[in-house]
C-alpha cells in the first residue's frame, strides 16, 4: 500500500492522483472512475471495473442449473405489487398483512407460459 500523499483541489474541481497511487491501485490515464462522497470530507474514487465487480459479488446467484432472468424478475415484482395494491383497494388487507406471496412462484416460467413459449 502506498503512503498517503497531499494534493490540492484545482480549477474546476480537478484533483491529481499521485503516480505511485495510480500504480498501486491499477488506475491508468483516461480510465473512467466513479467518485462519491464518503461524508465529512471523505472522497472515494473507484474504477468502474471495481464497482461492477462489487455489485456482481453482492448479487444473489441464480439457483444451480438455471439462468437468472432480470426482466422476468422485475415483471414478477411489478405483478406482485399490482396484486397487492388490488387486494388493498378491494378490502382484502388480511392477505397482504399475513405476508401471503402474491407473485408467481417462478417468474421465468410464468413469463414463458404467458408468452406461450
PDB file of N, CA and C in Angstrom:
ATOM      1  N   UNK A   1       0.846  -1.175   0.000  1.00  0.00           N
ATOM      2  CA  UNK A   1       0.000   0.000   0.000  1.00  0.00           C
ATOM      3  C   UNK A   1       0.893   1.240   0.000  1.00  0.00           C
ATOM      4  N   UNK A   2       0.535   2.192  -0.822  1.00  0.00           N
ATOM      5  CA  UNK A   2       1.296   3.422  -0.960  1.00  0.00           C
ATOM      6  C   UNK A   2       0.966   4.379   0.181  1.00  0.00           C
ATOM      7  N   UNK A   3       1.961   5.119   0.617  1.00  0.00           N
ATOM      8  CA  UNK A   3       1.752   6.117   1.672  1.00  0.00           C
ATOM      9  C   UNK A   3       0.830   7.222   1.153  1.00  0.00           C
ATOM     10  N   UNK A   4       0.031   7.803   2.031  1.00  0.00           N
ATOM     11  CA  UNK A   4      -0.847   8.905   1.622  1.00  0.00           C
ATOM     12  C   UNK A   4      -0.028  10.080   1.077  1.00  0.00           C
ATOM     13  N   UNK A   5      -0.597  10.776   0.109  1.00  0.00           N
ATOM     14  CA  UNK A   5       0.056  11.963  -0.444  1.00  0.00           C
ATOM     15  C   UNK A   5      -0.896  13.128  -0.341  1.00  0.00           C
ATOM     16  N   UNK A   6      -0.323  14.319  -0.368  1.00  0.00           N
ATOM     17  CA  UNK A   6      -1.114  15.539  -0.260  1.00  0.00           C
ATOM     18  C   UNK A   6      -1.267  16.143  -1.653  1.00  0.00           C
ATOM     19  N   UNK A   7      -2.467  16.596  -1.973  1.00  0.00           N
ATOM     20  CA  UNK A   7      -2.721  17.245  -3.255  1.00  0.00           C
ATOM     21  C   UNK A   7      -3.740  18.349  -3.018  1.00  0.00           C
ATOM     22  N   UNK A   8      -4.029  19.122  -4.020  1.00  0.00           N
ATOM     23  CA  UNK A   8      -4.999  20.221  -3.881  1.00  0.00           C
ATOM     24  C   UNK A   8      -6.120  20.050  -4.901  1.00  0.00           C
ATOM     25  N   UNK A   9      -7.260  20.604  -4.536  1.00  0.00           N
ATOM     26  CA  UNK A   9      -8.370  20.676  -5.486  1.00  0.00           C
ATOM     27  C   UNK A   9      -8.074  21.881  -6.366  1.00  0.00           C
ATOM     28  N   UNK A  10      -7.968  21.633  -7.659  1.00  0.00           N
ATOM     29  CA  UNK A  10      -7.593  22.684  -8.592  1.00  0.00           C
ATOM     30  C   UNK A  10      -8.791  23.325  -9.258  1.00  0.00           C
ATOM     31  N   UNK A  11      -8.500  24.073 -10.309  1.00  0.00           N
ATOM     32  CA  UNK A  11      -9.580  24.726 -11.062  1.00  0.00           C
ATOM     33  C   UNK A  11     -10.606  23.696 -11.547  1.00  0.00           C
ATOM     34  N   UNK A  12     -11.849  24.094 -11.526  1.00  0.00           N
ATOM     35  CA  UNK A  12     -12.957  23.248 -11.975  1.00  0.00           C
ATOM     36  C   UNK A  12     -13.054  21.949 -11.181  1.00  0.00           C
ATOM     37  N   UNK A  13     -12.524  21.933  -9.950  1.00  0.00           N
ATOM     38  CA  UNK A  13     -12.671  20.779  -9.077  1.00  0.00           C
ATOM     39  C   UNK A  13     -11.762  19.612  -9.384  1.00  0.00           C
ATOM     40  N   UNK A  14     -10.750  19.818 -10.169  1.00  0.00           N
ATOM     41  CA  UNK A  14      -9.855  18.722 -10.560  1.00  0.00           C
ATOM     42  C   UNK A  14      -8.872  18.382  -9.436  1.00  0.00           C
ATOM     43  N   UNK A  15      -8.619  17.089  -9.300  1.00  0.00           N
ATOM     44  CA  UNK A  15      -7.659  16.592  -8.321  1.00  0.00           C
ATOM     45  C   UNK A  15      -6.695  15.664  -9.047  1.00  0.00           C
ATOM     46  N   UNK A  16      -5.410  15.835  -8.806  1.00  0.00           N
ATOM     47  CA  UNK A  16      -4.402  14.973  -9.411  1.00  0.00           C
ATOM     48  C   UNK A  16      -4.091  13.846  -8.435  1.00  0.00           C
ATOM     49  N   UNK A  17      -4.125  12.614  -8.931  1.00  0.00           N
ATOM     50  CA  UNK A  17      -3.796  11.445  -8.118  1.00  0.00           C
ATOM     51  C   UNK A  17      -2.334  11.106  -8.377  1.00  0.00           C
ATOM     52  N   UNK A  18      -1.543  11.016  -7.316  1.00  0.00           N
ATOM     53  CA  UNK A  18      -0.106  10.746  -7.441  1.00  0.00           C
ATOM     54  C   UNK A  18       0.133   9.476  -8.253  1.00  0.00           C
ATOM     55  N   UNK A  19       1.203   9.488  -9.048  1.00  0.00           N
ATOM     56  CA  UNK A  19       1.538   8.347  -9.909  1.00  0.00           C
ATOM     57  C   UNK A  19       1.712   7.064  -9.109  1.00  0.00           C
ATOM     58  N   UNK A  20       2.305   7.156  -7.929  1.00  0.00           N
ATOM     59  CA  UNK A  20       2.510   5.957  -7.093  1.00  0.00           C
ATOM     60  C   UNK A  20       1.176   5.343  -6.686  1.00  0.00           C
ATOM     61  N   UNK A  21       0.203   6.183  -6.373  1.00  0.00           N
ATOM     62  CA  UNK A  21      -1.126   5.672  -6.009  1.00  0.00           C
ATOM     63  C   UNK A  21      -1.817   5.085  -7.229  1.00  0.00           C
ATOM     64  N   UNK A  22      -1.650   5.721  -8.381  1.00  0.00           N
ATOM     65  CA  UNK A  22      -2.230   5.170  -9.604  1.00  0.00           C
ATOM     66  C   UNK A  22      -1.660   3.785  -9.890  1.00  0.00           C
ATOM     67  N   UNK A  23      -0.347   3.642  -9.767  1.00  0.00           N
ATOM     68  CA  UNK A  23       0.274   2.333  -9.993  1.00  0.00           C
ATOM     69  C   UNK A  23      -0.228   1.312  -8.975  1.00  0.00           C
ATOM     70  N   UNK A  24      -0.279   1.719  -7.707  1.00  0.00           N
ATOM     71  CA  UNK A  24      -0.687   0.813  -6.633  1.00  0.00           C
ATOM     72  C   UNK A  24      -2.127   0.326  -6.811  1.00  0.00           C
ATOM     73  N   UNK A  25      -2.984   1.186  -7.336  1.00  0.00           N
ATOM     74  CA  UNK A  25      -4.401   0.839  -7.488  1.00  0.00           C
ATOM     75  C   UNK A  25      -4.743   0.317  -8.873  1.00  0.00           C
ATOM     76  N   UNK A  26      -3.788   0.416  -9.801  1.00  0.00           N
ATOM     77  CA  UNK A  26      -4.037  -0.074 -11.155  1.00  0.00           C
ATOM     78  C   UNK A  26      -4.784   0.903 -12.037  1.00  0.00           C
ATOM     79  N   UNK A  27      -4.924   2.146 -11.591  1.00  0.00           N
ATOM     80  CA  UNK A  27      -5.600   3.154 -12.418  1.00  0.00           C
ATOM     81  C   UNK A  27      -4.675   3.605 -13.539  1.00  0.00           C
ATOM     82  N   UNK A  28      -5.243   3.787 -14.720  1.00  0.00           N
ATOM     83  CA  UNK A  28      -4.449   4.239 -15.858  1.00  0.00           C
ATOM     84  C   UNK A  28      -5.017   5.541 -16.401  1.00  0.00           C
ATOM     85  N   UNK A  29      -4.190   6.283 -17.120  1.00  0.00           N
ATOM     86  CA  UNK A  29      -4.619   7.561 -17.682  1.00  0.00           C
ATOM     87  C   UNK A  29      -5.813   7.355 -18.612  1.00  0.00           C
ATOM     88  N   UNK A  30      -6.822   8.174 -18.451  1.00  0.00           N
ATOM     89  CA  UNK A  30      -8.013   8.113 -19.292  1.00  0.00           C
ATOM     90  C   UNK A  30      -9.076   7.136 -18.808  1.00  0.00           C
ATOM     91  N   UNK A  31      -8.749   6.352 -17.785  1.00  0.00           N
ATOM     92  CA  UNK A  31      -9.713   5.373 -17.266  1.00  0.00           C
ATOM     93  C   UNK A  31     -10.867   6.091 -16.561  1.00  0.00           C
ATOM     94  N   UNK A  32     -12.077   5.603 -16.796  1.00  0.00           N
ATOM     95  CA  UNK A  32     -13.230   6.173 -16.104  1.00  0.00           C
ATOM     96  C   UNK A  32     -13.258   5.689 -14.666  1.00  0.00           C
ATOM     97  N   UNK A  33     -13.606   6.600 -13.770  1.00  0.00           N
ATOM     98  CA  UNK A  33     -13.710   6.257 -12.358  1.00  0.00           C
ATOM     99  C   UNK A  33     -15.047   6.757 -11.821  1.00  0.00           C
ATOM    100  N   UNK A  34     -15.451   6.155 -10.728  1.00  0.00           N
ATOM    101  CA  UNK A  34     -16.653   6.593 -10.016  1.00  0.00           C
ATOM    102  C   UNK A  34     -16.160   7.365  -8.801  1.00  0.00           C
ATOM    103  N   UNK A  35     -16.671   8.582  -8.621  1.00  0.00           N
ATOM    104  CA  UNK A  35     -16.296   9.416  -7.485  1.00  0.00           C
ATOM    105  C   UNK A  35     -17.550   9.643  -6.665  1.00  0.00           C
ATOM    106  N   UNK A  36     -17.446   9.358  -5.362  1.00  0.00           N
ATOM    107  CA  UNK A  36     -18.607   9.561  -4.494  1.00  0.00           C
ATOM    108  C   UNK A  36     -18.156  10.095  -3.155  1.00  0.00           C
ATOM    109  N   UNK A  37     -19.100  10.660  -2.449  1.00  0.00           N
ATOM    110  CA  UNK A  37     -18.828  11.222  -1.135  1.00  0.00           C
ATOM    111  C   UNK A  37     -18.888  10.139  -0.071  1.00  0.00           C
ATOM    112  N   UNK A  38     -17.920  10.163   0.809  1.00  0.00           N
ATOM    113  CA  UNK A  38     -17.930   9.273   1.969  1.00  0.00           C
ATOM    114  C   UNK A  38     -18.356  10.037   3.206  1.00  0.00           C
ATOM    115  N   UNK A  39     -18.755  11.292   3.038  1.00  0.00           N
ATOM    116  CA  UNK A  39     -19.181  12.141   4.155  1.00  0.00           C
ATOM    117  C   UNK A  39     -17.998  12.767   4.868  1.00  0.00           C
ATOM    118  N   UNK A  40     -18.217  13.885   5.505  1.00  0.00           N
ATOM    119  CA  UNK A  40     -17.207  14.579   6.318  1.00  0.00           C
ATOM    120  C   UNK A  40     -15.853  14.721   5.634  1.00  0.00           C
ATOM    121  N   UNK A  41     -15.827  15.232   4.425  1.00  0.00           N
ATOM    122  CA  UNK A  41     -14.574  15.490   3.741  1.00  0.00           C
ATOM    123  C   UNK A  41     -13.915  14.278   3.115  1.00  0.00           C
ATOM    124  N   UNK A  42     -14.583  13.146   3.107  1.00  0.00           N
ATOM    125  CA  UNK A  42     -14.024  11.925   2.521  1.00  0.00           C
ATOM    126  C   UNK A  42     -14.540  11.785   1.091  1.00  0.00           C
ATOM    127  N   UNK A  43     -13.615  11.584   0.153  1.00  0.00           N
ATOM    128  CA  UNK A  43     -13.966  11.361  -1.247  1.00  0.00           C
ATOM    129  C   UNK A  43     -13.460   9.973  -1.622  1.00  0.00           C
ATOM    130  N   UNK A  44     -14.332   9.169  -2.212  1.00  0.00           N
ATOM    131  CA  UNK A  44     -13.969   7.805  -2.602  1.00  0.00           C
ATOM    132  C   UNK A  44     -13.895   7.745  -4.118  1.00  0.00           C
ATOM    133  N   UNK A  45     -12.774   7.261  -4.637  1.00  0.00           N
ATOM    134  CA  UNK A  45     -12.553   7.128  -6.071  1.00  0.00           C
ATOM    135  C   UNK A  45     -12.343   5.650  -6.356  1.00  0.00           C
ATOM    136  N   UNK A  46     -13.167   5.091  -7.248  1.00  0.00           N
ATOM    137  CA  UNK A  46     -13.057   3.674  -7.608  1.00  0.00           C
ATOM    138  C   UNK A  46     -13.131   3.524  -9.118  1.00  0.00           C
ATOM    139  N   UNK A  47     -12.424   2.549  -9.636  1.00  0.00           N
ATOM    140  CA  UNK A  47     -12.533   2.278 -11.065  1.00  0.00           C
ATOM    141  C   UNK A  47     -13.918   1.696 -11.343  1.00  0.00           C
ATOM    142  N   UNK A  48     -14.398   1.900 -12.553  1.00  0.00           N
ATOM    143  CA  UNK A  48     -15.695   1.357 -12.946  1.00  0.00           C
ATOM    144  C   UNK A  48     -15.682  -0.169 -12.807  1.00  0.00           C
ATOM    145  N   UNK A  49     -14.570  -0.792 -13.189  1.00  0.00           N
ATOM    146  CA  UNK A  49     -14.461  -2.253 -13.091  1.00  0.00           C
ATOM    147  C   UNK A  49     -14.591  -2.726 -11.644  1.00  0.00           C
ATOM    148  N   UNK A  50     -14.013  -1.984 -10.700  1.00  0.00           N
ATOM    149  CA  UNK A  50     -14.100  -2.346  -9.291  1.00  0.00           C
ATOM    150  C   UNK A  50     -15.539  -2.260  -8.793  1.00  0.00           C
ATOM    151  N   UNK A  51     -16.235  -1.206  -9.191  1.00  0.00           N
ATOM    152  CA  UNK A  51     -17.638  -1.046  -8.774  1.00  0.00           C
ATOM    153  C   UNK A  51     -18.483  -2.173  -9.352  1.00  0.00           C
ATOM    154  N   UNK A  52     -18.290  -2.487 -10.633  1.00  0.00           N
ATOM    155  CA  UNK A  52     -19.044  -3.579 -11.260  1.00  0.00           C
ATOM    156  C   UNK A  52     -18.774  -4.908 -10.560  1.00  0.00           C
ATOM    157  N   UNK A  53     -17.518  -5.159 -10.228  1.00  0.00           N
ATOM    158  CA  UNK A  53     -17.162  -6.414  -9.552  1.00  0.00           C
ATOM    159  C   UNK A  53     -17.823  -6.493  -8.178  1.00  0.00           C
ATOM    160  N   UNK A  54     -17.872  -5.375  -7.457  1.00  0.00           N
ATOM    161  CA  UNK A  54     -18.507  -5.354  -6.138  1.00  0.00           C
ATOM    162  C   UNK A  54     -20.008  -5.616  -6.251  1.00  0.00           C
ATOM    163  N   UNK A  55     -20.645  -5.044  -7.257  1.00  0.00           N
ATOM    164  CA  UNK A  55     -22.082  -5.259  -7.460  1.00  0.00           C
ATOM    165  C   UNK A  55     -22.353  -6.716  -7.818  1.00  0.00           C
ATOM    166  N   UNK A  56     -21.544  -7.262  -8.721  1.00  0.00           N
ATOM    167  CA  UNK A  56     -21.723  -8.671  -9.104  1.00  0.00           C
ATOM    168  C   UNK A  56     -21.526  -9.600  -7.905  1.00  0.00           C
ATOM    169  N   UNK A  57     -20.543  -9.298  -7.059  1.00  0.00           N
ATOM    170  CA  UNK A  57     -20.269 -10.142  -5.889  1.00  0.00           C
ATOM    171  C   UNK A  57     -21.420 -10.087  -4.886  1.00  0.00           C
ATOM    172  N   UNK A  58     -22.112  -8.949  -4.831  1.00  0.00           N
ATOM    173  CA  UNK A  58     -23.207  -8.795  -3.873  1.00  0.00           C
ATOM    174  C   UNK A  58     -24.520  -9.381  -4.381  1.00  0.00           C
ATOM    175  N   UNK A  59     -24.612  -9.611  -5.696  1.00  0.00           N
ATOM    176  CA  UNK A  59     -25.851 -10.127  -6.278  1.00  0.00           C
ATOM    177  C   UNK A  59     -26.056 -11.587  -5.888  1.00  0.00           C
ATOM    178  N   UNK A  60     -27.305 -11.943  -5.665  1.00  0.00           N
ATOM    179  CA  UNK A  60     -27.646 -13.322  -5.343  1.00  0.00           C
ATOM    180  C   UNK A  60     -27.514 -14.164  -6.605  1.00  0.00           C
ATOM    181  N   UNK A  61     -26.731 -15.234  -6.552  1.00  0.00           N
ATOM    182  CA  UNK A  61     -26.578 -16.062  -7.753  1.00  0.00           C
ATOM    183  C   UNK A  61     -27.862 -16.835  -8.067  1.00  0.00           C
ATOM    184  N   UNK A  62     -28.040 -17.139  -9.328  1.00  0.00           N
ATOM    185  CA  UNK A  62     -29.197 -17.935  -9.744  1.00  0.00           C
ATOM    186  C   UNK A  62     -29.029 -19.357  -9.218  1.00  0.00           C
ATOM    187  N   UNK A  63     -30.130 -20.029  -8.918  1.00  0.00           N
ATOM    188  CA  UNK A  63     -30.024 -21.424  -8.466  1.00  0.00           C
ATOM    189  C   UNK A  63     -29.294 -22.277  -9.507  1.00  0.00           C
ATOM    190  N   UNK A  64     -28.603 -23.309  -9.036  1.00  0.00           N
ATOM    191  CA  UNK A  64     -27.838 -24.182  -9.929  1.00  0.00           C
ATOM    192  C   UNK A  64     -28.732 -24.736 -11.032  1.00  0.00           C
ATOM    193  N   UNK A  65     -28.221 -24.726 -12.243  1.00  0.00           N
ATOM    194  CA  UNK A  65     -28.950 -25.276 -13.379  1.00  0.00           C
ATOM    195  C   UNK A  65     -29.971 -24.330 -13.988  1.00  0.00           C
ATOM    196  N   UNK A  66     -30.042 -23.097 -13.497  1.00  0.00           N
ATOM    197  CA  UNK A  66     -30.986 -22.123 -14.047  1.00  0.00           C
ATOM    198  C   UNK A  66     -30.242 -20.852 -14.425  1.00  0.00           C
ATOM    199  N   UNK A  67     -30.848 -20.088 -15.290  1.00  0.00           N
ATOM    200  CA  UNK A  67     -30.287 -18.793 -15.669  1.00  0.00           C
ATOM    201  C   UNK A  67     -31.137 -17.712 -15.022  1.00  0.00           C
ATOM    202  N   UNK A  68     -30.510 -16.648 -14.567  1.00  0.00           N
ATOM    203  CA  UNK A  68     -31.241 -15.550 -13.958  1.00  0.00           C
ATOM    204  C   UNK A  68     -31.819 -14.676 -15.053  1.00  0.00           C
ATOM    205  N   UNK A  69     -33.085 -14.371 -14.951  1.00  0.00           N
ATOM    206  CA  UNK A  69     -33.767 -13.529 -15.926  1.00  0.00           C
ATOM    207  C   UNK A  69     -34.230 -12.272 -15.214  1.00  0.00           C
ATOM    208  N   UNK A  70     -33.437 -11.202 -15.324  1.00  0.00           N
ATOM    209  CA  UNK A  70     -33.737  -9.957 -14.619  1.00  0.00           C
ATOM    210  C   UNK A  70     -35.065  -9.360 -15.068  1.00  0.00           C
ATOM    211  N   UNK A  71     -35.371  -9.442 -16.353  1.00  0.00           N
ATOM    212  CA  UNK A  71     -36.628  -8.877 -16.861  1.00  0.00           C
ATOM    213  C   UNK A  71     -37.811  -9.601 -16.237  1.00  0.00           C
ATOM    214  N   UNK A  72     -37.749 -10.916 -16.201  1.00  0.00           N
ATOM    215  CA  UNK A  72     -38.844 -11.689 -15.593  1.00  0.00           C
ATOM    216  C   UNK A  72     -38.958 -11.377 -14.113  1.00  0.00           C
ATOM    217  N   UNK A  73     -37.827 -11.184 -13.449  1.00  0.00           N
ATOM    218  CA  UNK A  73     -37.839 -10.868 -12.024  1.00  0.00           C
ATOM    219  C   UNK A  73     -38.522  -9.524 -11.772  1.00  0.00           C
ATOM    220  N   UNK A  74     -38.199  -8.521 -12.588  1.00  0.00           N
ATOM    221  CA  UNK A  74     -38.817  -7.200 -12.441  1.00  0.00           C
ATOM    222  C   UNK A  74     -40.311  -7.285 -12.735  1.00  0.00           C
ATOM    223  N   UNK A  75     -40.671  -8.011 -13.801  1.00  0.00           N
ATOM    224  CA  UNK A  75     -42.095  -8.153 -14.135  1.00  0.00           C
ATOM    225  C   UNK A  75     -42.857  -8.858 -13.015  1.00  0.00           C
ATOM    226  N   UNK A  76     -42.271  -9.897 -12.452  1.00  0.00           N
ATOM    227  CA  UNK A  76     -42.920 -10.625 -11.363  1.00  0.00           C
ATOM    228  C   UNK A  76     -43.096  -9.723 -10.144  1.00  0.00           C
ATOM    229  N   UNK A  77     -42.093  -8.910  -9.879  1.00  0.00           N
ATOM    230  CA  UNK A  77     -42.180  -7.982  -8.760  1.00  0.00           C
ATOM    231  C   UNK A  77     -43.297  -6.966  -8.983  1.00  0.00           C
ATOM    232  N   UNK A  78     -43.370  -6.430 -10.200  1.00  0.00           N
ATOM    233  CA  UNK A  78     -44.446  -5.480 -10.528  1.00  0.00           C
ATOM    234  C   UNK A  78     -45.814  -6.147 -10.430  1.00  0.00           C
ATOM    235  N   UNK A  79     -45.915  -7.381 -10.957  1.00  0.00           N
ATOM    236  CA  UNK A  79     -47.191  -8.097 -10.874  1.00  0.00           C
ATOM    237  C   UNK A  79     -47.612  -8.291  -9.424  1.00  0.00           C
ATOM    238  N   UNK A  80     -46.663  -8.647  -8.572  1.00  0.00           N
ATOM    239  CA  UNK A  80     -46.960  -8.812  -7.155  1.00  0.00           C
ATOM    240  C   UNK A  80     -47.423  -7.508  -6.529  1.00  0.00           C
ATOM    241  N   UNK A  81     -46.769  -6.398  -6.915  1.00  0.00           N
ATOM    242  CA  UNK A  81     -47.178  -5.092  -6.397  1.00  0.00           C
ATOM    243  C   UNK A  81     -48.597  -4.748  -6.842  1.00  0.00           C
ATOM    244  N   UNK A  82     -48.906  -5.028  -8.112  1.00  0.00           N
ATOM    245  CA  UNK A  82     -50.247  -4.745  -8.632  1.00  0.00           C
ATOM    246  C   UNK A  82     -51.288  -5.581  -7.885  1.00  0.00           C
ATOM    247  N   UNK A  83     -50.987  -6.873  -7.698  1.00  0.00           N
ATOM    248  CA  UNK A  83     -51.926  -7.741  -6.972  1.00  0.00           C
ATOM    249  C   UNK A  83     -52.129  -7.258  -5.539  1.00  0.00           C
ATOM    250  N   UNK A  84     -51.025  -6.870  -4.894  1.00  0.00           N
ATOM    251  CA  UNK A  84     -51.120  -6.373  -3.521  1.00  0.00           C
ATOM    252  C   UNK A  84     -51.960  -5.096  -3.474  1.00  0.00           C
ATOM    253  N   UNK A  85     -51.715  -4.182  -4.409  1.00  0.00           N
ATOM    254  CA  UNK A  85     -52.495  -2.942  -4.450  1.00  0.00           C
ATOM    255  C   UNK A  85     -53.974  -3.229  -4.697  1.00  0.00           C
ATOM    256  N   UNK A  86     -54.270  -4.175  -5.590  1.00  0.00           N
ATOM    257  CA  UNK A  86     -55.662  -4.544  -5.859  1.00  0.00           C
ATOM    258  C   UNK A  86     -56.322  -5.092  -4.597  1.00  0.00           C
ATOM    259  N   UNK A  87     -55.609  -5.966  -3.885  1.00  0.00           N
ATOM    260  CA  UNK A  87     -56.168  -6.524  -2.645  1.00  0.00           C
ATOM    261  C   UNK A  87     -56.414  -5.433  -1.615  1.00  0.00           C
ATOM    262  N   UNK A  88     -55.488  -4.488  -1.515  1.00  0.00           N
ATOM    263  CA  UNK A  88     -55.653  -3.407  -0.555  1.00  0.00           C
ATOM    264  C   UNK A  88     -56.828  -2.512  -0.931  1.00  0.00           C
ATOM    265  N   UNK A  89     -56.994  -2.220  -2.221  1.00  0.00           N
ATOM    266  CA  UNK A  89     -58.086  -1.361  -2.665  1.00  0.00           C
ATOM    267  C   UNK A  89     -59.442  -2.027  -2.505  1.00  0.00           C
ATOM    268  N   UNK A  90     -59.480  -3.361  -2.595  1.00  0.00           N
ATOM    269  CA  UNK A  90     -60.744  -4.075  -2.510  1.00  0.00           C
ATOM    270  C   UNK A  90     -60.990  -4.660  -1.128  1.00  0.00           C
ATOM    271  N   UNK A  91     -60.245  -4.177  -0.137  1.00  0.00           N
ATOM    272  CA  UNK A  91     -60.532  -4.537   1.238  1.00  0.00           C
ATOM    273  C   UNK A  91     -60.001  -5.869   1.724  1.00  0.00           C
ATOM    274  N   UNK A  92     -59.127  -6.545   0.987  1.00  0.00           N
ATOM    275  CA  UNK A  92     -58.599  -7.841   1.436  1.00  0.00           C
ATOM    276  C   UNK A  92     -57.233  -7.641   2.088  1.00  0.00           C
ATOM    277  N   UNK A  93     -57.202  -6.782   3.106  1.00  0.00           N
ATOM    278  CA  UNK A  93     -55.959  -6.463   3.801  1.00  0.00           C
ATOM    279  C   UNK A  93     -55.361  -7.670   4.508  1.00  0.00           C
ATOM    280  N   UNK A  94     -56.189  -8.594   4.962  1.00  0.00           N
ATOM    281  CA  UNK A  94     -55.687  -9.744   5.721  1.00  0.00           C
ATOM    282  C   UNK A  94     -54.666 -10.543   4.921  1.00  0.00           C
ATOM    283  N   UNK A  95     -54.899 -10.722   3.622  1.00  0.00           N
ATOM    284  CA  UNK A  95     -53.953 -11.474   2.793  1.00  0.00           C
ATOM    285  C   UNK A  95     -52.616 -10.762   2.703  1.00  0.00           C
ATOM    286  N   UNK A  96     -52.666  -9.444   2.580  1.00  0.00           N
ATOM    287  CA  UNK A  96     -51.446  -8.662   2.442  1.00  0.00           C
ATOM    288  C   UNK A  96     -50.708  -8.615   3.772  1.00  0.00           C
ATOM    289  N   UNK A  97     -51.427  -8.376   4.863  1.00  0.00           N
ATOM    290  CA  UNK A  97     -50.807  -8.279   6.181  1.00  0.00           C
ATOM    291  C   UNK A  97     -50.207  -9.619   6.599  1.00  0.00           C
ATOM    292  N   UNK A  98     -50.855 -10.710   6.248  1.00  0.00           N
ATOM    293  CA  UNK A  98     -50.361 -12.041   6.613  1.00  0.00           C
ATOM    294  C   UNK A  98     -49.096 -12.411   5.841  1.00  0.00           C
ATOM    295  N   UNK A  99     -48.720 -11.576   4.869  1.00  0.00           N
ATOM    296  CA  UNK A  99     -47.491 -11.828   4.120  1.00  0.00           C
ATOM    297  C   UNK A  99     -47.657 -12.858   3.032  1.00  0.00           C
ATOM    298  N   UNK A 100     -48.866 -13.062   2.583  1.00  0.00           N
ATOM    299  CA  UNK A 100     -49.119 -14.043   1.523  1.00  0.00           C
ATOM    300  C   UNK A 100     -48.337 -13.660   0.279  1.00  0.00           C
ATOM    301  N   UNK A 101     -47.675 -14.635  -0.305  1.00  0.00           N
ATOM    302  CA  UNK A 101     -46.919 -14.377  -1.535  1.00  0.00           C
ATOM    303  C   UNK A 101     -47.915 -14.152  -2.661  1.00  0.00           C
ATOM    304  N   UNK A 102     -47.798 -13.002  -3.291  1.00  0.00           N
ATOM    305  CA  UNK A 102     -48.765 -12.652  -4.315  1.00  0.00           C
ATOM    306  C   UNK A 102     -48.237 -12.841  -5.732  1.00  0.00           C
ATOM    307  N   UNK A 103     -46.936 -13.004  -5.877  1.00  0.00           N
ATOM    308  CA  UNK A 103     -46.353 -13.161  -7.203  1.00  0.00           C
ATOM    309  C   UNK A 103     -46.257 -14.615  -7.589  1.00  0.00           C
ATOM    310  N   UNK A 104     -45.894 -14.906  -8.837  1.00  0.00           N
ATOM    311  CA  UNK A 104     -45.748 -16.288  -9.280  1.00  0.00           C
ATOM    312  C   UNK A 104     -44.570 -16.956  -8.578  1.00  0.00           C
ATOM    313  N   UNK A 105     -44.640 -18.259  -8.423  1.00  0.00           N
ATOM    314  CA  UNK A 105     -43.564 -18.991  -7.752  1.00  0.00           C
ATOM    315  C   UNK A 105     -42.266 -18.927  -8.547  1.00  0.00           C
ATOM    316  N   UNK A 106     -42.340 -19.063  -9.859  1.00  0.00           N
ATOM    317  CA  UNK A 106     -41.149 -18.995 -10.697  1.00  0.00           C
ATOM    318  C   UNK A 106     -41.421 -17.969 -11.792  1.00  0.00           C
ATOM    319  N   UNK A 107     -40.929 -16.728 -11.633  1.00  0.00           N
ATOM    320  CA  UNK A 107     -41.264 -15.678 -12.588  1.00  0.00           C
ATOM    321  C   UNK A 107     -40.840 -15.995 -14.015  1.00  0.00           C
ATOM    322  N   UNK A 108     -39.703 -16.685 -14.188  1.00  0.00           N
ATOM    323  CA  UNK A 108     -39.248 -17.017 -15.539  1.00  0.00           C
ATOM    324  C   UNK A 108     -40.198 -17.961 -16.239  1.00  0.00           C
ATOM    325  N   UNK A 109     -40.626 -19.031 -15.532  1.00  0.00           N
ATOM    326  CA  UNK A 109     -41.569 -19.980 -16.116  1.00  0.00           C
ATOM    327  C   UNK A 109     -42.911 -19.328 -16.376  1.00  0.00           C
ATOM    328  N   UNK A 110     -43.328 -18.454 -15.439  1.00  0.00           N
ATOM    329  CA  UNK A 110     -44.601 -17.747 -15.610  1.00  0.00           C
ATOM    330  C   UNK A 110     -44.567 -16.871 -16.863  1.00  0.00           C
ATOM    331  N   UNK A 111     -43.449 -16.193 -17.099  1.00  0.00           N
ATOM    332  CA  UNK A 111     -43.314 -15.360 -18.289  1.00  0.00           C
ATOM    333  C   UNK A 111     -43.360 -16.217 -19.550  1.00  0.00           C
ATOM    334  N   UNK A 112     -42.613 -17.323 -19.570  1.00  0.00           N
ATOM    335  CA  UNK A 112     -42.633 -18.203 -20.742  1.00  0.00           C
ATOM    336  C   UNK A 112     -44.045 -18.734 -21.015  1.00  0.00           C
ATOM    337  N   UNK A 113     -44.751 -19.106 -19.958  1.00  0.00           N
ATOM    338  CA  UNK A 113     -46.129 -19.584 -20.104  1.00  0.00           C
ATOM    339  C   UNK A 113     -47.020 -18.489 -20.686  1.00  0.00           C
ATOM    340  N   UNK A 114     -46.858 -17.257 -20.179  1.00  0.00           N
ATOM    341  CA  UNK A 114     -47.703 -16.158 -20.663  1.00  0.00           C
ATOM    342  C   UNK A 114     -47.405 -15.828 -22.120  1.00  0.00           C
ATOM    343  N   UNK A 115     -46.165 -16.057 -22.551  1.00  0.00           N
ATOM    344  CA  UNK A 115     -45.787 -15.809 -23.935  1.00  0.00           C
ATOM    345  C   UNK A 115     -46.022 -17.017 -24.829  1.00  0.00           C
ATOM    346  N   UNK A 116     -46.517 -18.089 -24.210  1.00  0.00           N
ATOM    347  CA  UNK A 116     -46.788 -19.358 -24.898  1.00  0.00           C
ATOM    348  C   UNK A 116     -45.535 -19.900 -25.554  1.00  0.00           C
ATOM    349  N   UNK A 117     -44.432 -19.886 -24.802  1.00  0.00           N
ATOM    350  CA  UNK A 117     -43.160 -20.411 -25.311  1.00  0.00           C
ATOM    351  C   UNK A 117     -42.821 -21.719 -24.606  1.00  0.00           C
TER     352      UNK A 117
END
